[in-house]
Amino acid sequence: MVAPDAVSEEDIDKLIIPDDLSDEPTFKAYIEAKVYDKEGHIIDYRRQPMKSLTQYFLALMSIPLIGTYSGGSSTSATGILTNVLGLPSQQSSSQNANIVWTWSIQLGSGSQPFSLTLTGLAAPIANGTRSGELSYSATSVSYNGSSIYVFVAVINSTSNAISVTEIGLMSTVYIQYYSGSTYTTSSYNFLLSYDTFSSAISIPAYGVASFQISISFTG
């Protein structure tokens, strides 16, 4: 159970990185992090704009925006799915395929220059209880009006602090189709965003931290 916060709302306000300027676009994305000590008191809070979307995020968003296939009677995928995501152009000459995806948050202890084609974090922190590992909760994805929220909590079950310097929004894309009379699923993994924190986030021994990525469409 998490105890009442040990710092006031005024203290939290001082930890928040200022919002973007007034002329920012109608697409907004933010990263939030809260860190608790082993007694459940909040000891760190961050909020910063998420700036580094990869080409895979843009290609994934094309699925609901422009449709996954060239037409209801066609079995050929659009070029953005085959050229950018590397999905097969055709699963069957007589049957269409369904595309679904899940999102997750990956934390890391390294850093690297951003590029549109990044496929992973520099030094991902593994899910576990051994030295240097964090226990990840299941990622939850929710929406409210025009905003999407991706949330994960992690526990440091070790006796040493663990530093988090990078964060990525990950996606697994599933193609579901029939191969003959057999229902088959193929999966593909992508890094949708990559950002580093302005300074390392330290999760203390036996501490807990939560990370949330929020994406809003307005205008």
N, C-alpha and C. Protein backbone atom coordinates (compact mmCIF):
# COMPACT_ATOMS: atom_id res chain seq x y z
N MET A 1 0.85 -1.20 0.00
CA MET A 1 0.00 0.00 0.00
C MET A 1 0.88 1.24 0.00
N VAL A 2 0.49 2.25 -0.76
CA VAL A 2 1.26 3.49 -0.88
C VAL A 2 0.81 4.46 0.20
N ALA A 3 1.74 4.97 0.99
CA ALA A 3 1.44 5.91 2.05
C ALA A 3 1.22 7.30 1.48
N PRO A 4 0.65 8.24 2.28
CA PRO A 4 0.45 9.60 1.79
C PRO A 4 1.77 10.22 1.34
N ASP A 5 1.68 11.08 0.32
CA ASP A 5 2.88 11.71 -0.22
C ASP A 5 3.59 12.52 0.85
N ALA A 6 4.92 12.44 0.84
CA ALA A 6 5.71 13.15 1.84
C ALA A 6 6.02 14.58 1.41
N VAL A 7 5.65 14.94 0.18
CA VAL A 7 5.88 16.30 -0.30
C VAL A 7 4.55 16.92 -0.67
N SER A 8 4.49 18.23 -0.65
CA SER A 8 3.25 18.94 -0.96
C SER A 8 3.08 19.10 -2.46
N GLU A 9 1.86 19.50 -2.87
CA GLU A 9 1.61 19.77 -4.28
C GLU A 9 2.53 20.89 -4.78
N GLU A 10 2.83 21.87 -3.91
CA GLU A 10 3.74 22.96 -4.30
C GLU A 10 5.12 22.42 -4.61
N ASP A 11 5.58 21.43 -3.81
CA ASP A 11 6.88 20.83 -4.06
C ASP A 11 6.88 20.09 -5.39
N ILE A 12 5.78 19.38 -5.69
CA ILE A 12 5.68 18.65 -6.95
C ILE A 12 5.73 19.62 -8.12
N ASP A 13 5.04 20.77 -7.99
CA ASP A 13 5.04 21.76 -9.07
C ASP A 13 6.44 22.20 -9.42
N LYS A 14 7.32 22.27 -8.42
CA LYS A 14 8.68 22.71 -8.66
C LYS A 14 9.49 21.66 -9.41
N LEU A 15 9.05 20.38 -9.34
CA LEU A 15 9.77 19.31 -10.01
C LEU A 15 9.34 19.13 -11.47
N ILE A 16 8.20 19.72 -11.83
CA ILE A 16 7.65 19.51 -13.17
C ILE A 16 8.38 20.38 -14.18
N ILE A 17 8.80 19.77 -15.28
CA ILE A 17 9.38 20.53 -16.38
C ILE A 17 8.26 21.34 -17.04
N PRO A 18 8.45 22.62 -17.32
CA PRO A 18 7.36 23.45 -17.85
C PRO A 18 6.77 22.90 -19.14
N ASP A 19 5.48 23.19 -19.35
CA ASP A 19 4.78 22.76 -20.56
C ASP A 19 5.37 23.44 -21.78
N ASP A 20 4.99 22.95 -22.95
CA ASP A 20 5.44 23.55 -24.20
C ASP A 20 4.88 24.96 -24.35
N LEU A 21 5.38 25.69 -25.33
CA LEU A 21 4.95 27.05 -25.57
C LEU A 21 3.53 27.06 -26.13
N SER A 22 2.91 28.24 -26.16
CA SER A 22 1.52 28.36 -26.54
C SER A 22 1.26 28.02 -27.99
N ASP A 23 2.29 28.05 -28.84
CA ASP A 23 2.10 27.78 -30.25
C ASP A 23 2.37 26.32 -30.62
N GLU A 24 2.37 25.42 -29.61
CA GLU A 24 2.62 24.01 -29.88
C GLU A 24 1.49 23.42 -30.71
N PRO A 25 1.74 22.36 -31.47
CA PRO A 25 0.72 21.78 -32.34
C PRO A 25 -0.39 21.08 -31.56
N THR A 26 -1.41 20.63 -32.28
CA THR A 26 -2.57 20.03 -31.64
C THR A 26 -2.33 18.59 -31.22
N PHE A 27 -1.20 18.03 -31.59
CA PHE A 27 -0.81 16.71 -31.10
C PHE A 27 0.17 16.92 -29.95
N LYS A 28 -0.17 16.38 -28.77
CA LYS A 28 0.67 16.56 -27.60
C LYS A 28 0.92 15.21 -26.94
N ALA A 29 2.14 15.01 -26.44
CA ALA A 29 2.47 13.78 -25.75
C ALA A 29 3.40 14.11 -24.60
N TYR A 30 3.14 13.50 -23.45
CA TYR A 30 3.92 13.76 -22.25
C TYR A 30 4.32 12.47 -21.57
N ILE A 31 5.44 12.55 -20.86
CA ILE A 31 5.92 11.44 -20.02
C ILE A 31 5.86 11.91 -18.58
N GLU A 32 5.26 11.09 -17.72
CA GLU A 32 5.22 11.39 -16.29
C GLU A 32 5.83 10.23 -15.52
N ALA A 33 6.55 10.56 -14.46
CA ALA A 33 7.15 9.54 -13.62
C ALA A 33 7.00 9.94 -12.15
N LYS A 34 6.63 8.99 -11.32
CA LYS A 34 6.57 9.18 -9.87
C LYS A 34 7.41 8.08 -9.22
N VAL A 35 8.21 8.47 -8.24
CA VAL A 35 9.05 7.51 -7.53
C VAL A 35 8.70 7.55 -6.05
N TYR A 36 8.55 6.35 -5.46
CA TYR A 36 8.23 6.20 -4.05
C TYR A 36 9.35 5.42 -3.35
N ASP A 37 9.62 5.79 -2.10
CA ASP A 37 10.57 5.00 -1.33
C ASP A 37 9.87 3.77 -0.76
N LYS A 38 10.60 2.96 0.00
CA LYS A 38 10.03 1.69 0.48
C LYS A 38 8.91 1.89 1.49
N GLU A 39 8.80 3.11 2.06
CA GLU A 39 7.69 3.41 2.97
C GLU A 39 6.46 3.93 2.21
N GLY A 40 6.62 4.13 0.91
CA GLY A 40 5.50 4.58 0.10
C GLY A 40 5.38 6.08 -0.01
N HIS A 41 6.41 6.83 0.38
CA HIS A 41 6.39 8.28 0.26
C HIS A 41 6.96 8.69 -1.10
N ILE A 42 6.31 9.65 -1.75
CA ILE A 42 6.81 10.10 -3.04
C ILE A 42 8.08 10.92 -2.83
N ILE A 43 9.12 10.61 -3.60
CA ILE A 43 10.40 11.30 -3.47
C ILE A 43 10.84 11.98 -4.76
N ASP A 44 10.17 11.71 -5.86
CA ASP A 44 10.53 12.36 -7.12
C ASP A 44 9.31 12.36 -8.03
N TYR A 45 9.16 13.42 -8.79
CA TYR A 45 8.07 13.52 -9.76
C TYR A 45 8.60 14.25 -10.99
N ARG A 46 8.34 13.70 -12.17
CA ARG A 46 8.78 14.31 -13.43
C ARG A 46 7.60 14.39 -14.40
N ARG A 47 7.61 15.43 -15.19
CA ARG A 47 6.68 15.54 -16.32
C ARG A 47 7.39 16.31 -17.41
N GLN A 48 7.51 15.69 -18.57
CA GLN A 48 8.20 16.35 -19.68
C GLN A 48 7.55 15.96 -20.99
N PRO A 49 7.66 16.81 -22.01
CA PRO A 49 7.10 16.47 -23.32
C PRO A 49 7.80 15.25 -23.90
N MET A 50 7.03 14.38 -24.53
CA MET A 50 7.61 13.29 -25.30
C MET A 50 7.86 13.84 -26.70
N LYS A 51 9.12 13.80 -27.15
CA LYS A 51 9.50 14.50 -28.38
C LYS A 51 9.89 13.59 -29.53
N SER A 52 10.24 12.35 -29.27
CA SER A 52 10.94 11.56 -30.28
C SER A 52 10.13 10.36 -30.76
N LEU A 53 9.17 10.62 -31.63
CA LEU A 53 8.39 9.55 -32.24
C LEU A 53 9.15 8.97 -33.42
N THR A 54 9.14 7.66 -33.55
CA THR A 54 9.82 7.01 -34.67
C THR A 54 8.88 6.89 -35.88
N GLN A 55 9.45 6.47 -36.98
CA GLN A 55 8.64 6.26 -38.18
C GLN A 55 7.63 5.13 -37.99
N TYR A 56 7.92 4.24 -37.04
CA TYR A 56 7.01 3.11 -36.81
C TYR A 56 5.71 3.58 -36.15
N PHE A 57 5.80 4.61 -35.30
CA PHE A 57 4.59 5.18 -34.73
C PHE A 57 3.72 5.79 -35.82
N LEU A 58 4.34 6.54 -36.72
CA LEU A 58 3.58 7.17 -37.79
C LEU A 58 2.95 6.13 -38.71
N ALA A 59 3.68 5.06 -38.99
CA ALA A 59 3.13 4.00 -39.84
C ALA A 59 1.98 3.29 -39.14
N LEU A 60 2.14 3.04 -37.83
CA LEU A 60 1.08 2.37 -37.08
C LEU A 60 -0.19 3.21 -37.06
N MET A 61 -0.03 4.55 -36.91
CA MET A 61 -1.19 5.41 -36.88
C MET A 61 -1.89 5.48 -38.23
N SER A 62 -1.18 5.09 -39.29
CA SER A 62 -1.82 5.11 -40.61
C SER A 62 -2.91 4.05 -40.71
N ILE A 63 -2.83 3.03 -39.84
CA ILE A 63 -3.82 1.94 -39.92
C ILE A 63 -5.23 2.46 -39.66
N PRO A 64 -5.48 3.16 -38.52
CA PRO A 64 -6.84 3.70 -38.34
C PRO A 64 -7.13 4.92 -39.19
N LEU A 65 -6.08 5.65 -39.62
CA LEU A 65 -6.31 6.90 -40.35
C LEU A 65 -6.63 6.68 -41.82
N ILE A 66 -5.89 5.80 -42.49
CA ILE A 66 -6.10 5.63 -43.93
C ILE A 66 -6.52 4.21 -44.31
N GLY A 67 -6.66 3.33 -43.32
CA GLY A 67 -7.08 1.97 -43.62
C GLY A 67 -5.88 1.06 -43.83
N THR A 68 -6.04 -0.19 -43.50
CA THR A 68 -4.91 -1.12 -43.56
C THR A 68 -4.70 -1.69 -44.95
N TYR A 69 -5.72 -1.71 -45.76
CA TYR A 69 -5.61 -2.29 -47.10
C TYR A 69 -6.14 -1.30 -48.13
N SER A 70 -5.83 -1.55 -49.38
CA SER A 70 -6.17 -0.59 -50.42
C SER A 70 -7.65 -0.57 -50.76
N GLY A 71 -8.38 -1.53 -50.29
CA GLY A 71 -9.81 -1.55 -50.55
C GLY A 71 -10.46 -2.79 -49.97
N GLY A 72 -11.76 -2.75 -49.79
CA GLY A 72 -12.47 -3.87 -49.19
C GLY A 72 -12.37 -5.15 -49.99
N SER A 73 -12.18 -5.05 -51.30
CA SER A 73 -12.10 -6.25 -52.14
C SER A 73 -10.66 -6.64 -52.45
N SER A 74 -9.69 -5.90 -51.90
CA SER A 74 -8.29 -6.16 -52.19
C SER A 74 -7.63 -6.97 -51.08
N THR A 75 -6.61 -7.74 -51.41
CA THR A 75 -5.85 -8.48 -50.40
C THR A 75 -4.41 -7.99 -50.32
N SER A 76 -4.13 -6.82 -50.87
CA SER A 76 -2.78 -6.27 -50.85
C SER A 76 -2.68 -5.13 -49.85
N ALA A 77 -1.67 -5.17 -48.99
CA ALA A 77 -1.47 -4.13 -47.99
C ALA A 77 -0.93 -2.86 -48.63
N THR A 78 -1.18 -1.72 -47.98
CA THR A 78 -0.68 -0.46 -48.48
C THR A 78 0.83 -0.37 -48.29
N GLY A 79 1.46 0.50 -49.09
CA GLY A 79 2.92 0.59 -49.10
C GLY A 79 3.52 0.97 -47.77
N ILE A 80 2.86 1.85 -46.99
CA ILE A 80 3.44 2.29 -45.73
C ILE A 80 3.58 1.14 -44.75
N LEU A 81 2.70 0.15 -44.84
CA LEU A 81 2.78 -1.01 -43.95
C LEU A 81 3.88 -1.98 -44.37
N THR A 82 4.07 -2.11 -45.67
CA THR A 82 5.10 -3.04 -46.14
C THR A 82 6.49 -2.41 -46.15
N ASN A 83 6.56 -1.12 -46.51
CA ASN A 83 7.86 -0.46 -46.64
C ASN A 83 8.44 -0.03 -45.30
N VAL A 84 7.59 0.46 -44.39
CA VAL A 84 8.08 0.98 -43.11
C VAL A 84 8.01 -0.08 -42.02
N LEU A 85 6.85 -0.70 -41.85
CA LEU A 85 6.70 -1.71 -40.80
C LEU A 85 7.26 -3.07 -41.23
N GLY A 86 7.43 -3.26 -42.54
CA GLY A 86 7.96 -4.54 -42.99
C GLY A 86 6.96 -5.68 -42.90
N LEU A 87 5.67 -5.35 -42.88
CA LEU A 87 4.64 -6.39 -42.85
C LEU A 87 4.50 -7.01 -44.23
N PRO A 88 4.04 -8.25 -44.28
CA PRO A 88 3.88 -8.89 -45.59
C PRO A 88 2.82 -8.18 -46.41
N SER A 89 3.01 -8.15 -47.72
CA SER A 89 2.05 -7.46 -48.57
C SER A 89 0.78 -8.27 -48.77
N GLN A 90 0.87 -9.58 -48.55
CA GLN A 90 -0.29 -10.43 -48.76
C GLN A 90 -0.16 -11.70 -47.92
N GLN A 91 -1.22 -12.05 -47.20
CA GLN A 91 -1.23 -13.29 -46.43
C GLN A 91 -1.99 -14.39 -47.17
N SER A 92 -2.91 -13.98 -48.01
CA SER A 92 -3.72 -14.96 -48.74
C SER A 92 -4.27 -14.29 -49.99
N SER A 93 -4.42 -15.05 -51.03
CA SER A 93 -4.98 -14.49 -52.26
C SER A 93 -6.50 -14.49 -52.23
N SER A 94 -7.08 -15.13 -51.21
CA SER A 94 -8.54 -15.23 -51.17
C SER A 94 -9.15 -14.73 -49.88
N GLN A 95 -8.32 -14.44 -48.84
CA GLN A 95 -8.86 -14.02 -47.56
C GLN A 95 -8.07 -12.82 -47.02
N ASN A 96 -8.78 -11.90 -46.37
CA ASN A 96 -8.14 -10.76 -45.75
C ASN A 96 -7.55 -11.15 -44.40
N ALA A 97 -6.65 -10.31 -43.90
CA ALA A 97 -6.04 -10.52 -42.59
C ALA A 97 -6.42 -9.39 -41.65
N ASN A 98 -6.55 -9.70 -40.37
CA ASN A 98 -6.81 -8.69 -39.35
C ASN A 98 -5.49 -8.21 -38.76
N ILE A 99 -5.42 -6.94 -38.40
CA ILE A 99 -4.25 -6.39 -37.72
C ILE A 99 -4.69 -5.83 -36.37
N VAL A 100 -4.05 -6.27 -35.30
CA VAL A 100 -4.27 -5.72 -33.96
C VAL A 100 -2.91 -5.44 -33.34
N TRP A 101 -2.87 -4.62 -32.29
CA TRP A 101 -1.58 -4.34 -31.65
C TRP A 101 -1.77 -4.05 -30.17
N THR A 102 -0.68 -4.23 -29.42
CA THR A 102 -0.63 -3.89 -28.01
C THR A 102 0.52 -2.91 -27.79
N TRP A 103 0.42 -2.12 -26.71
CA TRP A 103 1.48 -1.19 -26.34
C TRP A 103 2.06 -1.57 -24.99
N SER A 104 3.33 -1.22 -24.79
CA SER A 104 3.98 -1.40 -23.49
C SER A 104 5.05 -0.34 -23.32
N ILE A 105 5.51 -0.16 -22.10
CA ILE A 105 6.57 0.80 -21.79
C ILE A 105 7.82 0.04 -21.39
N GLN A 106 8.96 0.41 -21.99
CA GLN A 106 10.25 -0.18 -21.65
C GLN A 106 11.14 0.90 -21.06
N LEU A 107 11.81 0.57 -19.95
CA LEU A 107 12.74 1.50 -19.31
C LEU A 107 14.16 1.04 -19.57
N GLY A 108 15.09 1.99 -19.51
CA GLY A 108 16.49 1.64 -19.77
C GLY A 108 17.44 2.47 -18.94
N SER A 109 18.70 2.05 -18.90
CA SER A 109 19.72 2.72 -18.11
C SER A 109 20.82 3.32 -18.98
N GLY A 110 20.59 3.42 -20.29
CA GLY A 110 21.60 3.98 -21.19
C GLY A 110 21.08 5.21 -21.89
N SER A 111 21.73 5.57 -22.99
CA SER A 111 21.27 6.68 -23.82
C SER A 111 21.88 6.52 -25.21
N GLN A 112 21.24 7.10 -26.19
CA GLN A 112 21.72 7.02 -27.56
C GLN A 112 21.10 8.16 -28.36
N PRO A 113 21.73 8.57 -29.45
CA PRO A 113 21.13 9.60 -30.29
C PRO A 113 19.82 9.08 -30.90
N PHE A 114 18.87 9.97 -31.06
CA PHE A 114 17.59 9.58 -31.65
C PHE A 114 17.69 9.52 -33.16
N SER A 115 17.02 8.54 -33.73
CA SER A 115 16.81 8.49 -35.18
C SER A 115 15.43 7.90 -35.43
N LEU A 116 14.87 8.19 -36.59
CA LEU A 116 13.53 7.70 -36.91
C LEU A 116 13.47 6.18 -36.99
N THR A 117 14.61 5.53 -37.17
CA THR A 117 14.63 4.09 -37.39
C THR A 117 15.13 3.30 -36.17
N LEU A 118 15.20 3.93 -35.00
CA LEU A 118 15.60 3.20 -33.80
C LEU A 118 14.65 2.02 -33.57
N THR A 119 15.20 0.90 -33.16
CA THR A 119 14.38 -0.29 -32.92
C THR A 119 14.37 -0.73 -31.47
N GLY A 120 15.17 -0.09 -30.61
CA GLY A 120 15.20 -0.49 -29.22
C GLY A 120 15.95 0.52 -28.37
N LEU A 121 15.91 0.34 -27.05
CA LEU A 121 16.61 1.20 -26.13
C LEU A 121 18.10 0.85 -26.12
N ALA A 122 18.92 1.77 -25.64
CA ALA A 122 20.36 1.53 -25.59
C ALA A 122 20.71 0.43 -24.59
N ALA A 123 20.07 0.47 -23.42
CA ALA A 123 20.36 -0.52 -22.36
C ALA A 123 19.06 -0.84 -21.63
N PRO A 124 18.20 -1.69 -22.22
CA PRO A 124 16.92 -2.00 -21.59
C PRO A 124 17.10 -2.63 -20.20
N ILE A 125 16.25 -2.24 -19.28
CA ILE A 125 16.24 -2.83 -17.94
C ILE A 125 15.28 -4.01 -17.97
N ALA A 126 15.80 -5.18 -17.66
CA ALA A 126 15.02 -6.41 -17.77
C ALA A 126 13.96 -6.50 -16.68
N ASN A 127 12.95 -7.30 -16.96
CA ASN A 127 11.87 -7.56 -16.01
C ASN A 127 12.30 -8.70 -15.09
N GLY A 128 12.51 -8.41 -13.80
CA GLY A 128 12.95 -9.45 -12.89
C GLY A 128 13.26 -8.89 -11.51
N THR A 129 13.83 -9.71 -10.67
CA THR A 129 14.12 -9.32 -9.29
C THR A 129 15.61 -9.40 -8.97
N ARG A 130 16.44 -9.69 -9.96
CA ARG A 130 17.87 -9.77 -9.73
C ARG A 130 18.50 -8.38 -9.80
N SER A 131 19.78 -8.31 -9.48
CA SER A 131 20.49 -7.03 -9.48
C SER A 131 20.36 -6.34 -10.82
N GLY A 132 20.00 -5.06 -10.80
CA GLY A 132 19.85 -4.28 -12.02
C GLY A 132 18.54 -4.48 -12.75
N GLU A 133 17.65 -5.31 -12.23
CA GLU A 133 16.36 -5.58 -12.88
C GLU A 133 15.23 -4.91 -12.10
N LEU A 134 14.13 -4.65 -12.81
CA LEU A 134 12.91 -4.11 -12.22
C LEU A 134 11.75 -5.05 -12.52
N SER A 135 10.86 -5.19 -11.56
CA SER A 135 9.65 -6.00 -11.78
C SER A 135 8.58 -5.10 -12.38
N TYR A 136 8.20 -5.37 -13.63
CA TYR A 136 7.21 -4.57 -14.34
C TYR A 136 5.80 -5.11 -14.08
N SER A 137 4.86 -4.20 -13.85
CA SER A 137 3.46 -4.61 -13.84
C SER A 137 2.98 -4.76 -15.28
N ALA A 138 1.78 -5.30 -15.44
CA ALA A 138 1.17 -5.31 -16.77
C ALA A 138 0.91 -3.87 -17.20
N THR A 139 1.18 -3.57 -18.45
CA THR A 139 0.92 -2.23 -18.97
C THR A 139 -0.57 -2.05 -19.19
N SER A 140 -1.10 -0.93 -18.72
CA SER A 140 -2.51 -0.63 -18.96
C SER A 140 -2.62 0.51 -19.96
N VAL A 141 -3.58 0.41 -20.86
CA VAL A 141 -3.85 1.44 -21.85
C VAL A 141 -5.31 1.85 -21.72
N SER A 142 -5.54 3.14 -21.57
CA SER A 142 -6.91 3.64 -21.43
C SER A 142 -7.04 4.92 -22.24
N TYR A 143 -8.27 5.36 -22.43
CA TYR A 143 -8.49 6.60 -23.15
C TYR A 143 -9.62 7.38 -22.50
N ASN A 144 -9.57 8.70 -22.70
CA ASN A 144 -10.58 9.59 -22.16
C ASN A 144 -10.76 10.73 -23.15
N GLY A 145 -11.85 10.69 -23.87
CA GLY A 145 -12.09 11.71 -24.88
C GLY A 145 -11.07 11.61 -25.99
N SER A 146 -10.20 12.62 -26.11
CA SER A 146 -9.21 12.63 -27.19
C SER A 146 -7.81 12.25 -26.71
N SER A 147 -7.69 11.65 -25.52
CA SER A 147 -6.39 11.31 -24.95
C SER A 147 -6.25 9.81 -24.72
N ILE A 148 -5.04 9.31 -24.92
CA ILE A 148 -4.69 7.92 -24.66
C ILE A 148 -3.62 7.90 -23.57
N TYR A 149 -3.77 7.00 -22.60
CA TYR A 149 -2.84 6.91 -21.48
C TYR A 149 -2.25 5.50 -21.43
N VAL A 150 -0.92 5.44 -21.39
CA VAL A 150 -0.21 4.16 -21.28
C VAL A 150 0.54 4.19 -19.95
N PHE A 151 0.29 3.21 -19.08
CA PHE A 151 0.80 3.27 -17.70
C PHE A 151 1.45 1.95 -17.32
N VAL A 152 2.58 2.05 -16.59
CA VAL A 152 3.23 0.87 -16.04
C VAL A 152 3.82 1.24 -14.68
N ALA A 153 3.81 0.29 -13.75
CA ALA A 153 4.47 0.45 -12.46
C ALA A 153 5.61 -0.56 -12.37
N VAL A 154 6.69 -0.18 -11.69
CA VAL A 154 7.83 -1.07 -11.52
C VAL A 154 8.24 -1.10 -10.05
N ILE A 155 8.80 -2.22 -9.62
CA ILE A 155 9.28 -2.39 -8.26
C ILE A 155 10.76 -2.75 -8.31
N ASN A 156 11.54 -2.09 -7.48
CA ASN A 156 12.94 -2.44 -7.32
C ASN A 156 13.04 -3.39 -6.12
N SER A 157 13.18 -4.67 -6.39
CA SER A 157 13.21 -5.67 -5.32
C SER A 157 14.62 -5.94 -4.80
N THR A 158 15.57 -5.11 -5.20
CA THR A 158 16.97 -5.33 -4.81
C THR A 158 17.38 -4.35 -3.72
N SER A 159 18.57 -4.55 -3.18
CA SER A 159 19.08 -3.71 -2.10
C SER A 159 19.88 -2.52 -2.61
N ASN A 160 19.91 -2.31 -3.92
CA ASN A 160 20.63 -1.19 -4.52
C ASN A 160 19.70 -0.34 -5.37
N ALA A 161 19.97 0.96 -5.41
CA ALA A 161 19.18 1.85 -6.25
C ALA A 161 19.41 1.53 -7.73
N ILE A 162 18.40 1.76 -8.55
CA ILE A 162 18.49 1.54 -9.99
C ILE A 162 18.17 2.84 -10.70
N SER A 163 19.03 3.25 -11.62
CA SER A 163 18.85 4.50 -12.35
C SER A 163 18.14 4.25 -13.68
N VAL A 164 17.15 5.07 -13.98
CA VAL A 164 16.42 5.02 -15.24
C VAL A 164 16.73 6.30 -16.00
N THR A 165 17.30 6.17 -17.18
CA THR A 165 17.69 7.33 -17.97
C THR A 165 16.96 7.44 -19.30
N GLU A 166 16.30 6.35 -19.74
CA GLU A 166 15.63 6.35 -21.04
C GLU A 166 14.31 5.60 -20.94
N ILE A 167 13.41 5.93 -21.83
CA ILE A 167 12.07 5.32 -21.83
C ILE A 167 11.60 5.19 -23.28
N GLY A 168 10.94 4.09 -23.57
CA GLY A 168 10.43 3.87 -24.91
C GLY A 168 9.01 3.32 -24.88
N LEU A 169 8.21 3.75 -25.83
CA LEU A 169 6.88 3.17 -26.04
C LEU A 169 7.03 2.06 -27.07
N MET A 170 6.71 0.84 -26.67
CA MET A 170 6.87 -0.32 -27.53
C MET A 170 5.51 -0.78 -28.05
N SER A 171 5.54 -1.49 -29.17
CA SER A 171 4.30 -2.06 -29.70
C SER A 171 4.58 -3.43 -30.30
N THR A 172 3.66 -4.34 -30.08
CA THR A 172 3.66 -5.62 -30.78
C THR A 172 2.45 -5.65 -31.70
N VAL A 173 2.70 -5.81 -32.99
CA VAL A 173 1.64 -5.87 -33.99
C VAL A 173 1.38 -7.32 -34.35
N TYR A 174 0.13 -7.72 -34.33
CA TYR A 174 -0.26 -9.08 -34.65
C TYR A 174 -1.07 -9.11 -35.95
N ILE A 175 -0.70 -9.98 -36.85
CA ILE A 175 -1.50 -10.23 -38.05
C ILE A 175 -2.17 -11.59 -37.88
N GLN A 176 -3.48 -11.59 -37.95
CA GLN A 176 -4.28 -12.80 -37.76
C GLN A 176 -4.90 -13.19 -39.10
N TYR A 177 -4.68 -14.42 -39.51
CA TYR A 177 -5.15 -14.84 -40.82
C TYR A 177 -5.28 -16.37 -40.85
N TYR A 178 -5.91 -16.86 -41.91
CA TYR A 178 -6.03 -18.30 -42.12
C TYR A 178 -4.98 -18.77 -43.11
N SER A 179 -4.27 -19.81 -42.74
CA SER A 179 -3.35 -20.48 -43.64
C SER A 179 -3.96 -21.83 -43.97
N GLY A 180 -4.61 -21.91 -45.12
CA GLY A 180 -5.43 -23.08 -45.41
C GLY A 180 -6.65 -23.04 -44.51
N SER A 181 -6.82 -24.06 -43.68
CA SER A 181 -7.93 -24.08 -42.73
C SER A 181 -7.45 -23.80 -41.31
N THR A 182 -6.17 -23.41 -41.16
CA THR A 182 -5.60 -23.17 -39.84
C THR A 182 -5.52 -21.68 -39.55
N TYR A 183 -6.04 -21.30 -38.40
CA TYR A 183 -5.98 -19.90 -37.99
C TYR A 183 -4.60 -19.61 -37.43
N THR A 184 -3.91 -18.60 -37.97
CA THR A 184 -2.51 -18.35 -37.65
C THR A 184 -2.32 -16.89 -37.24
N THR A 185 -1.38 -16.66 -36.33
CA THR A 185 -1.03 -15.30 -35.90
C THR A 185 0.47 -15.09 -36.04
N SER A 186 0.86 -14.01 -36.69
CA SER A 186 2.26 -13.61 -36.77
C SER A 186 2.43 -12.31 -35.99
N SER A 187 3.58 -12.15 -35.32
CA SER A 187 3.79 -10.96 -34.50
C SER A 187 5.05 -10.22 -34.93
N TYR A 188 5.04 -8.89 -34.74
CA TYR A 188 6.15 -8.02 -35.11
C TYR A 188 6.30 -6.97 -34.01
N ASN A 189 7.54 -6.68 -33.58
CA ASN A 189 7.79 -5.75 -32.49
C ASN A 189 8.42 -4.46 -33.01
N PHE A 190 7.97 -3.32 -32.44
CA PHE A 190 8.44 -2.02 -32.89
C PHE A 190 8.65 -1.08 -31.70
N LEU A 191 9.61 -0.16 -31.87
CA LEU A 191 9.80 0.94 -30.93
C LEU A 191 9.09 2.16 -31.51
N LEU A 192 8.09 2.67 -30.79
CA LEU A 192 7.28 3.77 -31.30
C LEU A 192 7.80 5.14 -30.88
N SER A 193 8.47 5.22 -29.73
CA SER A 193 9.04 6.49 -29.29
C SER A 193 10.27 6.21 -28.46
N TYR A 194 11.17 7.18 -28.42
CA TYR A 194 12.38 7.06 -27.60
C TYR A 194 12.72 8.41 -27.01
N ASP A 195 12.83 8.47 -25.68
CA ASP A 195 13.19 9.71 -25.01
C ASP A 195 14.12 9.42 -23.84
N THR A 196 14.95 10.40 -23.51
CA THR A 196 15.79 10.33 -22.32
C THR A 196 15.30 11.38 -21.32
N PHE A 197 15.55 11.11 -20.05
CA PHE A 197 15.17 12.06 -19.01
C PHE A 197 16.28 13.10 -18.85
N SER A 198 15.90 14.32 -18.45
CA SER A 198 16.87 15.40 -18.32
C SER A 198 17.93 15.06 -17.28
N SER A 199 17.58 14.29 -16.29
CA SER A 199 18.54 13.73 -15.33
C SER A 199 18.01 12.37 -14.92
N ALA A 200 18.91 11.49 -14.49
CA ALA A 200 18.52 10.12 -14.19
C ALA A 200 17.48 10.07 -13.08
N ILE A 201 16.53 9.14 -13.22
CA ILE A 201 15.54 8.87 -12.18
C ILE A 201 16.06 7.70 -11.36
N SER A 202 16.26 7.91 -10.07
CA SER A 202 16.79 6.87 -9.19
C SER A 202 15.65 6.21 -8.42
N ILE A 203 15.50 4.91 -8.64
CA ILE A 203 14.50 4.14 -7.89
C ILE A 203 15.23 3.47 -6.74
N PRO A 204 14.93 3.84 -5.50
CA PRO A 204 15.73 3.34 -4.37
C PRO A 204 15.48 1.86 -4.11
N ALA A 205 16.33 1.30 -3.27
CA ALA A 205 16.17 -0.11 -2.87
C ALA A 205 14.76 -0.33 -2.33
N TYR A 206 14.08 -1.33 -2.85
CA TYR A 206 12.73 -1.71 -2.45
C TYR A 206 11.71 -0.60 -2.70
N GLY A 207 12.06 0.30 -3.60
CA GLY A 207 11.16 1.38 -3.95
C GLY A 207 10.25 1.00 -5.11
N VAL A 208 9.31 1.89 -5.40
CA VAL A 208 8.33 1.69 -6.47
C VAL A 208 8.31 2.95 -7.33
N ALA A 209 8.08 2.77 -8.61
CA ALA A 209 7.94 3.92 -9.51
C ALA A 209 6.84 3.64 -10.52
N SER A 210 6.18 4.68 -10.96
CA SER A 210 5.17 4.56 -12.01
C SER A 210 5.53 5.50 -13.15
N PHE A 211 5.25 5.04 -14.36
CA PHE A 211 5.54 5.80 -15.57
C PHE A 211 4.30 5.84 -16.44
N GLN A 212 3.97 7.01 -16.95
CA GLN A 212 2.80 7.14 -17.81
C GLN A 212 3.14 8.00 -19.02
N ILE A 213 2.72 7.52 -20.18
CA ILE A 213 2.81 8.29 -21.42
C ILE A 213 1.39 8.67 -21.82
N SER A 214 1.14 9.96 -21.99
CA SER A 214 -0.17 10.41 -22.41
C SER A 214 -0.07 11.08 -23.77
N ILE A 215 -0.99 10.72 -24.65
CA ILE A 215 -1.02 11.23 -26.02
C ILE A 215 -2.38 11.87 -26.24
N SER A 216 -2.38 13.15 -26.65
CA SER A 216 -3.64 13.87 -26.82
C SER A 216 -3.74 14.46 -28.23
N PHE A 217 -4.93 14.40 -28.76
CA PHE A 217 -5.23 15.00 -30.06
C PHE A 217 -6.28 16.06 -29.83
N THR A 218 -5.96 17.32 -30.14
CA THR A 218 -6.90 18.41 -29.93
C THR A 218 -6.93 19.30 -31.16
N GLY A 219 -7.91 20.19 -31.17
CA GLY A 219 -7.98 21.14 -32.27
C GLY A 219 -9.13 20.84 -33.19
